[in-house]
Protein backbone atom coordinates (compact mmCIF):
# COMPACT_ATOMS: atom_id res chain seq x y z
CA UNK A 1 -15.23 10.43 16.07
CA UNK A 2 -13.77 7.38 17.88
CA UNK A 3 -11.02 8.38 20.31
CA UNK A 4 -9.63 4.96 21.28
CA UNK A 5 -8.09 3.24 18.27
CA UNK A 6 -6.09 0.05 17.81
CA UNK A 7 -3.61 -0.01 14.95
CA UNK A 8 -2.50 -3.32 13.46
CA UNK A 9 0.40 -3.27 11.02
CA UNK A 10 1.80 -0.30 12.92
CA UNK A 11 5.38 -0.96 11.79
CA UNK A 12 4.49 -1.26 8.10
CA UNK A 13 4.52 1.42 5.42
CA UNK A 14 0.89 2.49 5.90
CA UNK A 15 0.90 2.13 9.69
CA UNK A 16 4.06 4.22 10.08
CA UNK A 17 2.48 7.04 8.08
CA UNK A 18 -0.92 6.80 9.76
CA UNK A 19 0.15 6.74 13.41
CA UNK A 20 1.25 10.42 13.76
CA UNK A 21 -1.87 11.58 11.93
CA UNK A 22 -4.11 9.70 14.34
CA UNK A 23 -2.27 11.27 17.26
CA UNK A 24 -2.77 14.68 15.67
CA UNK A 25 -6.52 13.95 15.70
CA UNK A 26 -6.30 13.47 19.51
CA UNK A 27 -6.84 9.74 19.22
CA UNK A 28 -5.42 7.42 21.85
CA UNK A 29 -3.62 4.93 19.64
CA UNK A 30 -2.78 1.42 20.76
CA UNK A 31 -0.33 -0.46 18.49
CA UNK A 32 -0.66 -4.25 18.24
CA UNK A 33 2.51 -6.33 18.05
CA UNK A 34 3.54 -9.93 18.56
CA UNK A 35 6.77 -8.57 20.05
CA UNK A 36 5.74 -5.44 21.97
CA UNK A 37 8.96 -5.21 24.01
CA UNK A 38 11.06 -5.11 20.85
CA UNK A 39 8.69 -2.61 19.22
CA UNK A 40 8.76 -0.42 22.34
CA UNK A 41 12.56 -0.20 22.15
CA UNK A 42 12.35 0.95 18.54
CA UNK A 43 9.40 3.32 19.00
CA UNK A 44 9.45 4.25 22.70
CA UNK A 45 6.92 7.06 22.32
CA UNK A 46 4.09 4.70 21.29
CA UNK A 47 1.75 2.55 23.33
CA UNK A 48 2.31 -1.11 22.40
CA UNK A 49 0.12 -4.06 23.35
CA UNK A 50 0.78 -7.76 22.87
CA UNK A 51 -1.38 -9.59 20.38
CA UNK A 52 -1.03 -12.22 17.67
CA UNK A 53 -3.62 -12.38 14.88
CA UNK A 54 -3.04 -16.11 14.68
CA UNK A 55 -3.90 -16.58 18.37
CA UNK A 56 -7.50 -15.66 19.17
CA UNK A 57 -6.85 -15.77 22.92
CA UNK A 58 -4.27 -12.97 22.69
CA UNK A 59 -6.66 -10.42 21.17
CA UNK A 60 -9.46 -9.62 23.68
CA UNK A 61 -7.23 -7.81 26.17
CA UNK A 62 -5.54 -5.85 23.38
CA UNK A 63 -8.87 -4.75 21.88
CA UNK A 64 -10.67 -3.97 25.12
CA UNK A 65 -11.96 -0.39 25.23
CA UNK A 66 -11.16 0.37 21.58
CA UNK A 67 -13.90 1.96 19.51
CA UNK A 68 -12.21 1.57 16.12
CA UNK A 69 -9.62 -0.76 14.65
CA UNK A 70 -7.35 -0.34 11.64
CA UNK A 71 -6.56 -3.60 9.91
CA UNK A 72 -3.33 -3.03 7.94
CA UNK A 73 -1.62 -6.42 7.99
CA UNK A 74 -0.66 -8.58 5.04
CA UNK A 75 1.20 -11.91 4.98
CA UNK A 76 2.47 -11.63 1.40
CA UNK A 77 6.06 -10.87 2.33
CA UNK A 78 6.50 -14.07 4.33
CA UNK A 79 6.92 -16.25 1.20
CA UNK A 80 5.75 -19.21 3.30
CA UNK A 81 3.50 -21.76 1.60
CA UNK A 82 -0.11 -21.22 2.55
CA UNK A 83 0.33 -17.56 3.55
CA UNK A 84 -2.89 -16.56 1.79
CA UNK A 85 -4.96 -19.11 3.71
CA UNK A 86 -3.30 -18.03 6.95
CA UNK A 87 -4.11 -14.40 6.19
CA UNK A 88 -7.78 -15.30 5.70
CA UNK A 89 -7.81 -17.02 9.11
CA UNK A 90 -6.27 -13.90 10.65
CA UNK A 91 -9.06 -11.72 9.25
CA UNK A 92 -11.81 -14.02 10.52
CA UNK A 93 -10.19 -14.26 13.94
CA UNK A 94 -9.80 -10.49 14.18
CA UNK A 95 -13.39 -9.81 13.11
CA UNK A 96 -14.70 -12.12 15.81
CA UNK A 97 -12.39 -10.71 18.49
CA UNK A 98 -13.40 -7.16 17.57
CA UNK A 99 -17.07 -8.06 17.98
CA UNK A 100 -16.43 -9.69 21.35
CA UNK A 101 -14.49 -6.64 22.55
CA UNK A 102 -17.21 -4.20 21.49
CA UNK A 103 -15.28 -2.47 18.70
CA UNK A 104 -17.65 -0.25 16.70
CA UNK A 105 -15.89 -0.21 13.32
CA UNK A 106 -13.01 -1.78 11.41
CA UNK A 107 -11.16 0.13 8.68
CA UNK A 108 -9.25 -2.02 6.22
CA UNK A 109 -6.94 -1.03 3.37
CA UNK A 110 -7.12 -3.57 0.57
CA UNK A 111 -6.44 -3.69 -3.16
CA UNK A 112 -8.39 -2.79 -6.28
CA UNK A 113 -10.11 -5.76 -7.93
CA UNK A 114 -8.53 -6.52 -11.33
CA UNK A 115 -10.64 -6.72 -14.46
CA UNK A 116 -9.14 -10.12 -15.23
CA UNK A 117 -8.21 -13.12 -13.09
CA UNK A 118 -6.55 -11.95 -9.85
CA UNK A 119 -3.07 -12.98 -8.78
CA UNK A 120 -2.62 -14.75 -5.44
CA UNK A 121 -1.70 -11.40 -3.88
CA UNK A 122 -4.81 -9.57 -5.11
CA UNK A 123 -7.07 -12.53 -4.40
CA UNK A 124 -5.82 -12.57 -0.80
CA UNK A 125 -6.45 -8.84 -0.44
CA UNK A 126 -10.02 -9.22 -1.67
CA UNK A 127 -10.68 -12.34 0.41
CA UNK A 128 -9.46 -10.55 3.54
CA UNK A 129 -11.87 -7.71 2.84
CA UNK A 130 -14.73 -10.16 2.33
CA UNK A 131 -13.94 -11.87 5.64
CA UNK A 132 -13.79 -8.63 7.61
CA UNK A 133 -17.01 -7.31 6.06
CA UNK A 134 -18.74 -10.60 6.82
CA UNK A 135 -18.17 -10.10 10.55
CA UNK A 136 -20.60 -8.52 13.00
CA UNK A 137 -18.60 -5.28 13.30
CA UNK A 138 -19.22 -2.80 10.44
CA UNK A 139 -16.12 -2.75 8.25
CA UNK A 140 -15.07 -0.05 5.81
CA UNK A 141 -12.87 -1.58 3.11
CA UNK A 142 -10.87 0.93 1.06
CA UNK A 143 -9.26 -0.47 -2.09
CA UNK A 144 -6.14 1.21 -3.47
CA UNK A 145 -3.91 0.41 -6.40
CA UNK A 146 -0.35 1.69 -6.70
CA UNK A 147 0.49 4.04 -3.82
CA UNK A 148 2.97 6.82 -4.57
CA UNK A 149 5.07 7.57 -1.51
CA UNK A 150 8.48 7.02 0.05
CA UNK A 151 8.51 3.49 1.45
CA UNK A 152 5.87 2.05 -0.87
CA UNK A 153 7.17 -1.07 -2.65
CA UNK A 154 5.33 -0.30 -5.89
CA UNK A 155 6.67 3.27 -5.86
CA UNK A 156 10.22 2.04 -5.14
CA UNK A 157 10.07 -0.27 -8.16
CA UNK A 158 8.91 2.46 -10.53
CA UNK A 159 11.21 5.12 -9.10
CA UNK A 160 14.31 2.92 -9.26
CA UNK A 161 13.60 1.64 -12.78
CA UNK A 162 13.13 5.20 -14.00
CA UNK A 163 16.32 6.40 -12.29
CA UNK A 164 18.66 3.49 -12.97
CA UNK A 165 17.96 2.22 -16.49
CA UNK A 166 18.94 4.26 -19.57
CA UNK A 167 16.88 1.76 -21.55
CA UNK A 168 14.36 -0.76 -20.33
CA UNK A 169 12.41 -3.71 -21.62
CA UNK A 170 8.73 -2.91 -22.04
CA UNK A 171 6.71 -6.13 -21.68
CA UNK A 172 3.15 -6.25 -22.97
CA UNK A 173 1.77 -6.37 -19.43
CA UNK A 174 2.95 -2.79 -18.86
CA UNK A 175 0.17 -1.71 -21.22
CA UNK A 176 -2.36 -2.45 -18.46
CA UNK A 177 -3.74 0.59 -16.68
CA UNK A 178 -4.03 1.54 -13.03
CA UNK A 179 -4.89 4.70 -11.09
CA UNK A 180 -1.91 5.56 -8.85
CA UNK A 181 -2.79 7.44 -5.69
CA UNK A 182 -0.61 9.57 -3.40
CA UNK A 183 0.11 8.22 0.06
CA UNK A 184 -1.13 11.49 1.58
CA UNK A 185 -4.51 10.94 -0.09
CA UNK A 186 -4.60 7.35 1.20
CA UNK A 187 -3.93 8.69 4.69
CA UNK A 188 -6.76 11.22 4.34
CA UNK A 189 -9.09 8.43 3.21
CA UNK A 190 -8.15 6.24 6.17
CA UNK A 191 -8.61 9.09 8.66
CA UNK A 192 -12.00 9.90 7.16
CA UNK A 193 -12.97 6.29 7.87
CA UNK A 194 -13.24 7.23 11.56
CA UNK A 195 -16.00 9.75 10.95
CA UNK A 196 -17.85 8.62 7.82
CA UNK A 197 -21.30 7.16 8.45
CA UNK A 198 -20.97 3.38 8.59
CA UNK A 199 -24.23 1.66 9.57
CA UNK A 200 -23.21 -1.55 7.78
CA UNK A 201 -20.08 -2.91 6.15
CA UNK A 202 -19.20 -1.50 2.74
CA UNK A 203 -16.29 -0.88 0.39
CA UNK A 204 -14.99 1.87 -1.89
CA UNK A 205 -12.14 2.25 -4.34
CA UNK A 206 -9.77 5.12 -3.55
CA UNK A 207 -8.26 5.92 -6.91
CA UNK A 208 -5.95 8.60 -8.19
CA UNK A 209 -7.12 11.17 -10.75
CA UNK A 210 -5.83 9.38 -13.88
CA UNK A 211 -5.90 5.91 -15.39
CA UNK A 212 -2.37 5.33 -16.70
CA UNK A 213 -0.55 2.42 -18.30
CA UNK A 214 2.61 1.12 -16.72
CA UNK A 215 4.55 2.66 -19.60
CA UNK A 216 3.02 6.08 -18.97
CA UNK A 217 3.78 5.87 -15.25
CA UNK A 218 7.43 4.96 -15.90
CA UNK A 219 7.94 7.73 -18.44
CA UNK A 220 6.27 10.39 -16.32
CA UNK A 221 8.19 9.43 -13.17
CA UNK A 222 11.39 9.49 -15.24
CA UNK A 223 10.49 12.94 -16.54
CA UNK A 224 10.07 14.19 -12.97
CA UNK A 225 13.70 13.15 -12.51
CA UNK A 226 14.75 14.87 -15.73
CA UNK A 227 15.19 11.65 -17.71
CA UNK A 228 13.77 10.08 -20.85
CA UNK A 229 14.77 6.38 -21.00
CA UNK A 230 14.56 4.34 -24.18
CA UNK A 231 11.78 1.74 -24.03
CA UNK A 232 12.24 -1.54 -25.90
CA UNK A 233 9.05 -3.48 -26.62
CA UNK A 234 9.47 -7.22 -25.99
CA UNK A 235 5.95 -8.67 -25.61
CA UNK A 236 7.09 -12.19 -24.66
CA UNK A 237 8.57 -11.08 -21.34
CA UNK A 238 6.25 -12.40 -18.61
CA UNK A 239 5.58 -10.77 -15.23
CA UNK A 240 7.49 -13.58 -13.48
CA UNK A 241 10.54 -13.07 -15.71
CA UNK A 242 10.30 -9.31 -15.24
CA UNK A 243 10.41 -9.79 -11.47
CA UNK A 244 13.94 -11.15 -11.80
CA UNK A 245 15.37 -8.07 -13.51
CA UNK A 246 13.43 -5.88 -11.11
CA UNK A 247 15.28 -7.75 -8.38
CA UNK A 248 18.62 -6.77 -9.91
CA UNK A 249 17.82 -3.10 -10.43
CA UNK A 250 15.62 -1.95 -7.56
CA UNK A 251 15.78 -1.84 -3.77
CA UNK A 252 12.35 -3.49 -3.46
CA UNK A 253 11.99 -6.73 -1.51
CA UNK A 254 11.99 -9.47 -4.16
CA UNK A 255 9.22 -11.57 -2.64
CA UNK A 256 6.84 -8.63 -2.41
CA UNK A 257 7.90 -7.22 -5.80
CA UNK A 258 7.27 -10.56 -7.49
CA UNK A 259 3.73 -10.76 -6.11
CA UNK A 260 2.99 -7.17 -7.12
CA UNK A 261 4.30 -7.60 -10.66
CA UNK A 262 2.45 -10.88 -11.14
CA UNK A 263 -0.76 -9.01 -10.31
CA UNK A 264 -0.31 -6.77 -13.38
CA UNK A 265 -2.07 -9.06 -15.85
CA UNK A 266 -5.13 -6.87 -16.41
CA UNK A 267 -6.35 -3.34 -15.73
CA UNK A 268 -6.69 -2.22 -12.10
CA UNK A 269 -9.43 0.37 -12.52
CA UNK A 270 -11.86 1.56 -9.86
CA UNK A 271 -15.39 0.23 -10.16
CA UNK A 272 -16.94 1.89 -7.12
CA UNK A 273 -15.91 5.51 -7.10
CA UNK A 274 -17.17 8.47 -5.09
CA UNK A 275 -15.40 8.01 -1.76
CA UNK A 276 -13.62 11.35 -1.98
CA UNK A 277 -16.99 13.09 -2.26
CA UNK A 278 -18.75 10.86 0.28
CA UNK A 279 -16.01 11.56 2.84
CA UNK A 280 -15.95 15.30 2.01
CA UNK A 281 -12.31 15.11 0.88
CA UNK A 282 -10.62 17.21 -1.82
CA UNK A 283 -9.77 15.58 -5.16
CA UNK A 284 -6.60 13.45 -5.00
CA UNK A 285 -3.31 14.88 -6.27
CA UNK A 286 -1.80 13.98 -9.63
CA UNK A 287 1.09 11.64 -10.36
CA UNK A 288 3.77 14.29 -10.84
CA UNK A 289 2.97 16.15 -7.62
CA UNK A 290 2.92 12.90 -5.66
CA UNK A 291 6.20 11.76 -7.23
CA UNK A 292 7.94 15.05 -6.44
CA UNK A 293 6.87 14.77 -2.80
CA UNK A 294 8.07 11.16 -2.61
CA UNK A 295 11.45 12.01 -4.12
CA UNK A 296 11.88 14.88 -1.66
CA UNK A 297 11.16 12.55 1.27
CA UNK A 298 13.75 10.07 0.01
CA UNK A 299 16.48 12.66 -0.50
CA UNK A 300 19.71 11.57 1.18
CA UNK A 301 18.54 8.02 1.95
CA UNK A 302 20.19 6.16 -0.94
CA UNK A 303 23.23 3.99 -0.36
CA UNK A 304 26.54 4.93 -1.96
CA UNK A 305 26.09 2.11 -4.49
CA UNK A 306 22.61 3.33 -5.32
CA UNK A 307 23.82 6.90 -5.85
CA UNK A 308 26.63 5.69 -8.10
CA UNK A 309 24.27 3.54 -10.18
CA UNK A 310 21.98 6.50 -10.72
CA UNK A 311 24.83 8.84 -11.59
CA UNK A 312 26.10 6.42 -14.23
CA UNK A 313 22.59 5.92 -15.60
CA UNK A 314 22.17 9.69 -15.68
CA UNK A 315 25.16 10.07 -18.04
CA UNK A 316 23.70 7.43 -20.37
CA UNK A 317 20.03 8.48 -20.32
CA UNK A 318 18.65 11.21 -22.60
CA UNK A 319 17.52 14.24 -20.64
CA UNK A 320 13.94 15.44 -20.42
CA UNK A 321 12.62 18.72 -19.02
CA UNK A 322 12.01 18.24 -15.30
CA UNK A 323 8.43 18.40 -14.09
CA UNK A 324 7.77 21.12 -11.53
């Protein structure tokens, strides 16, 4: 197993969860940042190195001596025009720099390919994977859909809608199915990427155990919280329009939430399965177990306004037996 690892996206949701697990595997982890001094002040116990994915000259020194690299960056949240094209340039630059530095493998977390036309967000995720796998360094691309875990934007949207709305509009696009996966299973999949045989670049979907519609996910997450909201079917509500009311109700970043919701125009179902078996991992956990763990992690983190909104909604929402 590689012992010297560079972690891009170390301050993001996935990177924050992955870092301590890599350390627990006795890996020497180097975190890449454009502002390493600032990052060092915030996380003083980590090793930070300067590097900018948009500047090829800044990468060789950061990558030197690393055997494996985690590519966990995404430009979606910037909202700047042309972010998708910039992200593709980042991936190509990183793949070339990794080859020059002698990196043996790249592990990338992307998104499941939709069965219909992809949104800009999903198209960028897939294009990034294509660019990394086209490089000279073998790349393992793992494609996940909705990730259930404290800090995940998609989880925050679902959790807050279920907790804060006694009744909610149910647009037609919420009939599309996905296979939500627990963040702990995503972490296990990423860690296994260090040891799985990787002679050439390849990709796998890392899916949860069930294919569920958006409606089913909302109702089951609500049930975990002891609630049973009324769902109102209004098929003319578009994903873009839905993003606006999501903005009013949830804590999720609007720019990211809008991109995620606009990607829900067709099913997000795994087409290349078998990674759990290939990596000798146990079957992934179900939605309820993952949701309970996420809610426990978030306990005590809500603002006073958020707690009040959920208390009021609780009085107005029919109760359901809590999942255990």
